[in-house]
């Protein structure tokens, strides 16, 4: 048995994993979906990038979890990658689901094509939060109208500091036992950093024929890939 700690991307909370959790538990594993500070039921809590890293570390330590599989989707790959380096031998594997990767000294926003200028402007114009996306943002990702409505209804504005503050790595990402799940319908080729890590032989690459929110569009298939990541 392993302990899955599931962390969804920007604007989402633990609720986003509702269709995935039963499949992981049915396979005999413990599952801990986690809401980061400032989001969903934790809306209003102040949060910076290191707050989110500590949220993940605290979840692992509070429950004294061992054989931990950290799963980070989208934005959450940035704090998950940092937390993976900080939980020591509790870690079994990291799974990045169509996510960003932490770069020491750089923020999530820095990875945007314009260096994050548009994102920073949106945060400044919305009281320090990245506003929720409109329904049309989710088209072309294999989601039904009902699934899009569910995402939009459950989303909360995202604490801006978590997106603009730098990551702090304690070692090379290549040293982590990791799987990267690429969602093909998201339309972009794997990041050069991902390609390099996979070619280095320590990371594995998996692909899922759906869009950027597979926990909604393909929960069964995503669960299978998460299970496969710990079976090899």
Protein backbone atom coordinates (compact mmCIF):
# COMPACT_ATOMS: atom_id res chain seq x y z
CA UNK A 1 0.00 0.00 0.00
CA UNK A 2 1.12 3.54 -0.73
CA UNK A 3 -0.20 6.89 0.43
CA UNK A 4 -1.30 9.10 -2.44
CA UNK A 5 -1.29 12.82 -1.65
CA UNK A 6 -3.22 14.54 -4.45
CA UNK A 7 -2.81 18.26 -5.11
CA UNK A 8 -4.84 19.95 -7.87
CA UNK A 9 -3.83 22.97 -9.87
CA UNK A 10 -4.61 26.66 -9.60
CA UNK A 11 -8.05 27.69 -8.28
CA UNK A 12 -8.95 24.10 -7.33
CA UNK A 13 -9.11 22.19 -4.05
CA UNK A 14 -9.25 18.62 -2.79
CA UNK A 15 -12.76 18.33 -4.21
CA UNK A 16 -11.34 18.19 -7.75
CA UNK A 17 -10.12 14.61 -7.16
CA UNK A 18 -13.54 13.25 -6.24
CA UNK A 19 -13.83 11.00 -9.30
CA UNK A 20 -10.26 9.66 -8.98
CA UNK A 21 -10.10 8.83 -5.28
CA UNK A 22 -12.47 5.80 -5.32
CA UNK A 23 -10.38 4.01 -7.96
CA UNK A 24 -7.16 4.43 -5.99
CA UNK A 25 -8.80 3.26 -2.78
CA UNK A 26 -10.35 0.28 -4.57
CA UNK A 27 -6.80 -0.79 -5.46
CA UNK A 28 -5.96 -0.91 -1.76
CA UNK A 29 -4.15 2.40 -1.33
CA UNK A 30 -4.69 5.28 1.09
CA UNK A 31 -5.58 8.58 -0.53
CA UNK A 32 -5.19 12.09 0.86
CA UNK A 33 -6.58 14.79 -1.45
CA UNK A 34 -5.26 18.13 -0.21
CA UNK A 35 -6.55 21.68 -0.45
CA UNK A 36 -3.80 24.29 -0.41
CA UNK A 37 -4.05 27.46 1.69
CA UNK A 38 -6.22 30.20 0.22
CA UNK A 39 -8.33 27.88 -1.94
CA UNK A 40 -11.73 26.16 -1.69
CA UNK A 41 -12.62 25.55 1.97
CA UNK A 42 -9.36 27.31 2.95
CA UNK A 43 -10.26 30.46 1.02
CA UNK A 44 -9.12 33.60 2.79
CA UNK A 45 -5.99 32.12 4.34
CA UNK A 46 -2.89 34.10 3.31
CA UNK A 47 -0.52 32.10 1.15
CA UNK A 48 2.77 32.45 -0.67
CA UNK A 49 4.71 29.85 -2.62
CA UNK A 50 6.43 28.44 0.45
CA UNK A 51 3.09 28.29 2.28
CA UNK A 52 1.90 25.80 -0.32
CA UNK A 53 5.08 23.78 -0.04
CA UNK A 54 4.65 23.65 3.73
CA UNK A 55 0.98 22.67 3.35
CA UNK A 56 2.11 19.50 1.57
CA UNK A 57 4.96 18.71 3.95
CA UNK A 58 2.67 19.25 6.94
CA UNK A 59 0.04 16.88 5.52
CA UNK A 60 2.65 14.14 5.20
CA UNK A 61 4.15 14.69 8.63
CA UNK A 62 0.87 15.24 10.47
CA UNK A 63 -0.41 11.84 9.38
CA UNK A 64 3.07 10.27 9.70
CA UNK A 65 2.73 9.00 6.13
CA UNK A 66 5.25 6.59 4.61
CA UNK A 67 5.54 5.30 1.05
CA UNK A 68 4.19 8.63 -0.12
CA UNK A 69 3.28 9.29 -3.74
CA UNK A 70 2.96 13.04 -4.23
CA UNK A 71 0.77 13.98 -7.19
CA UNK A 72 0.82 17.54 -8.51
CA UNK A 73 -1.46 18.77 -11.29
CA UNK A 74 -0.76 21.92 -13.33
CA UNK A 75 0.43 24.73 -11.00
CA UNK A 76 0.68 22.28 -8.09
CA UNK A 77 3.68 20.60 -9.69
CA UNK A 78 5.73 23.58 -8.51
CA UNK A 79 5.09 23.20 -4.75
CA UNK A 80 4.85 19.39 -5.01
CA UNK A 81 8.30 19.16 -6.57
CA UNK A 82 9.76 21.22 -3.73
CA UNK A 83 7.90 19.27 -1.04
CA UNK A 84 9.14 15.99 -2.53
CA UNK A 85 12.69 17.04 -1.72
CA UNK A 86 11.77 17.84 1.88
CA UNK A 87 10.04 14.69 3.07
CA UNK A 88 13.12 12.50 2.85
CA UNK A 89 12.69 8.75 2.89
CA UNK A 90 8.93 9.08 3.26
CA UNK A 91 8.80 9.63 -0.51
CA UNK A 92 8.10 6.72 -2.83
CA UNK A 93 7.44 8.66 -6.04
CA UNK A 94 6.34 11.99 -7.48
CA UNK A 95 3.81 12.18 -10.30
CA UNK A 96 3.50 15.42 -12.23
CA UNK A 97 0.17 15.62 -14.08
CA UNK A 98 0.51 17.99 -17.05
CA UNK A 99 2.21 20.34 -14.63
CA UNK A 100 4.81 22.97 -14.25
CA UNK A 101 8.12 22.06 -12.62
CA UNK A 102 9.88 24.10 -9.96
CA UNK A 103 13.00 25.96 -11.01
CA UNK A 104 15.20 27.17 -8.18
CA UNK A 105 14.88 30.93 -7.76
CA UNK A 106 12.09 31.24 -10.33
CA UNK A 107 8.35 31.64 -9.94
CA UNK A 108 5.48 29.88 -11.69
CA UNK A 109 4.80 33.16 -13.51
CA UNK A 110 8.35 33.28 -14.88
CA UNK A 111 7.61 30.28 -17.06
CA UNK A 112 4.91 32.11 -19.02
CA UNK A 113 5.75 33.26 -22.58
CA UNK A 114 5.73 36.94 -21.54
CA UNK A 115 7.64 36.30 -18.36
CA UNK A 116 4.41 36.48 -16.42
CA UNK A 117 3.58 40.11 -17.18
CA UNK A 118 -0.04 39.34 -18.13
CA UNK A 119 -0.51 37.12 -15.09
CA UNK A 120 0.96 39.71 -12.75
CA UNK A 121 -1.30 42.39 -14.23
CA UNK A 122 -4.36 40.21 -13.68
CA UNK A 123 -3.34 39.60 -10.07
CA UNK A 124 -2.77 43.30 -9.43
CA UNK A 125 -6.16 44.16 -10.92
CA UNK A 126 -7.98 41.60 -8.78
CA UNK A 127 -6.92 42.34 -5.24
CA UNK A 128 -3.86 40.11 -5.22
CA UNK A 129 -5.62 37.05 -6.64
CA UNK A 130 -5.64 35.34 -10.03
CA UNK A 131 -9.31 35.48 -10.99
CA UNK A 132 -11.30 32.39 -11.90
CA UNK A 133 -11.41 31.40 -15.56
CA UNK A 134 -14.52 31.75 -17.67
CA UNK A 135 -16.21 28.62 -19.08
CA UNK A 136 -14.72 29.10 -22.55
CA UNK A 137 -11.24 28.65 -21.07
CA UNK A 138 -12.00 24.93 -20.71
CA UNK A 139 -13.22 24.20 -24.23
CA UNK A 140 -11.13 21.83 -26.35
CA UNK A 141 -10.03 19.76 -23.36
CA UNK A 142 -12.41 16.82 -23.63
CA UNK A 143 -14.77 18.13 -20.97
CA UNK A 144 -18.55 17.95 -21.11
CA UNK A 145 -20.65 21.03 -20.42
CA UNK A 146 -21.54 19.53 -17.05
CA UNK A 147 -17.88 18.99 -16.18
CA UNK A 148 -17.00 22.55 -17.15
CA UNK A 149 -19.87 23.86 -15.06
CA UNK A 150 -18.61 21.81 -12.12
CA UNK A 151 -15.09 23.22 -12.41
CA UNK A 152 -16.34 26.80 -12.74
CA UNK A 153 -18.71 26.44 -9.79
CA UNK A 154 -16.05 24.98 -7.52
CA UNK A 155 -13.15 27.25 -8.44
CA UNK A 156 -11.89 30.04 -6.21
CA UNK A 157 -9.57 32.96 -7.03
CA UNK A 158 -5.97 31.85 -6.58
CA UNK A 159 -3.59 33.63 -4.14
CA UNK A 160 -1.32 35.64 -6.39
CA UNK A 161 1.83 35.44 -4.26
CA UNK A 162 1.98 31.67 -4.76
CA UNK A 163 2.40 32.32 -8.47
CA UNK A 164 4.93 35.14 -8.30
CA UNK A 165 7.22 34.07 -5.44
CA UNK A 166 10.25 31.91 -6.31
CA UNK A 167 10.67 28.20 -5.82
CA UNK A 168 13.41 26.97 -3.50
CA UNK A 169 15.00 23.65 -4.41
CA UNK A 170 17.32 21.75 -2.12
CA UNK A 171 18.76 19.51 -4.85
CA UNK A 172 18.39 18.51 -8.51
CA UNK A 173 14.96 17.41 -9.72
CA UNK A 174 16.64 14.60 -11.62
CA UNK A 175 17.31 12.89 -8.29
CA UNK A 176 13.58 12.46 -7.62
CA UNK A 177 11.88 9.19 -8.61
CA UNK A 178 9.25 10.71 -10.86
CA UNK A 179 6.66 10.15 -13.56
CA UNK A 180 5.41 12.92 -15.81
CA UNK A 181 1.92 12.51 -17.30
CA UNK A 182 1.45 14.54 -20.43
CA UNK A 183 -2.11 15.32 -21.55
CA UNK A 184 -2.03 15.22 -25.33
CA UNK A 185 -5.08 17.40 -26.05
CA UNK A 186 -3.49 20.26 -24.13
CA UNK A 187 -1.69 20.85 -27.41
CA UNK A 188 1.88 21.57 -26.38
CA UNK A 189 4.98 19.45 -26.69
CA UNK A 190 6.65 18.45 -23.43
CA UNK A 191 8.76 21.18 -21.88
CA UNK A 192 12.46 20.91 -22.67
CA UNK A 193 13.16 20.35 -18.98
CA UNK A 194 10.75 17.40 -18.93
CA UNK A 195 12.32 15.90 -22.05
CA UNK A 196 15.77 16.23 -20.53
CA UNK A 197 14.72 14.59 -17.27
CA UNK A 198 13.07 11.68 -19.09
CA UNK A 199 16.04 11.20 -21.40
CA UNK A 200 18.27 11.19 -18.32
CA UNK A 201 16.73 7.82 -17.47
CA UNK A 202 15.46 8.50 -13.96
CA UNK A 203 12.04 9.89 -14.87
CA UNK A 204 9.28 8.13 -16.79
CA UNK A 205 6.88 9.71 -19.28
CA UNK A 206 3.25 8.65 -19.66
CA UNK A 207 0.63 10.11 -21.97
CA UNK A 208 -3.12 10.53 -21.67
CA UNK A 209 -5.32 11.36 -24.65
CA UNK A 210 -7.33 14.13 -23.05
CA UNK A 211 -7.05 17.76 -22.03
CA UNK A 212 -5.48 19.60 -19.13
CA UNK A 213 -8.02 18.56 -16.48
CA UNK A 214 -7.94 14.74 -16.64
CA UNK A 215 -9.34 14.26 -13.14
CA UNK A 216 -12.63 15.44 -14.62
CA UNK A 217 -12.43 14.30 -18.24
CA UNK A 218 -10.71 10.91 -17.77
CA UNK A 219 -10.69 10.02 -14.05
CA UNK A 220 -10.57 6.24 -14.55
CA UNK A 221 -7.68 6.44 -17.02
CA UNK A 222 -5.82 8.92 -14.82
CA UNK A 223 -6.21 6.61 -11.82
CA UNK A 224 -4.79 3.76 -13.89
CA UNK A 225 -1.73 5.81 -14.77
CA UNK A 226 -1.23 6.80 -11.13
CA UNK A 227 -1.43 3.14 -10.12
CA UNK A 228 0.96 2.14 -12.91
CA UNK A 229 3.44 4.74 -11.69
CA UNK A 230 3.85 2.87 -8.40
CA UNK A 231 3.70 -0.66 -9.75
CA UNK A 232 6.91 -0.57 -11.76
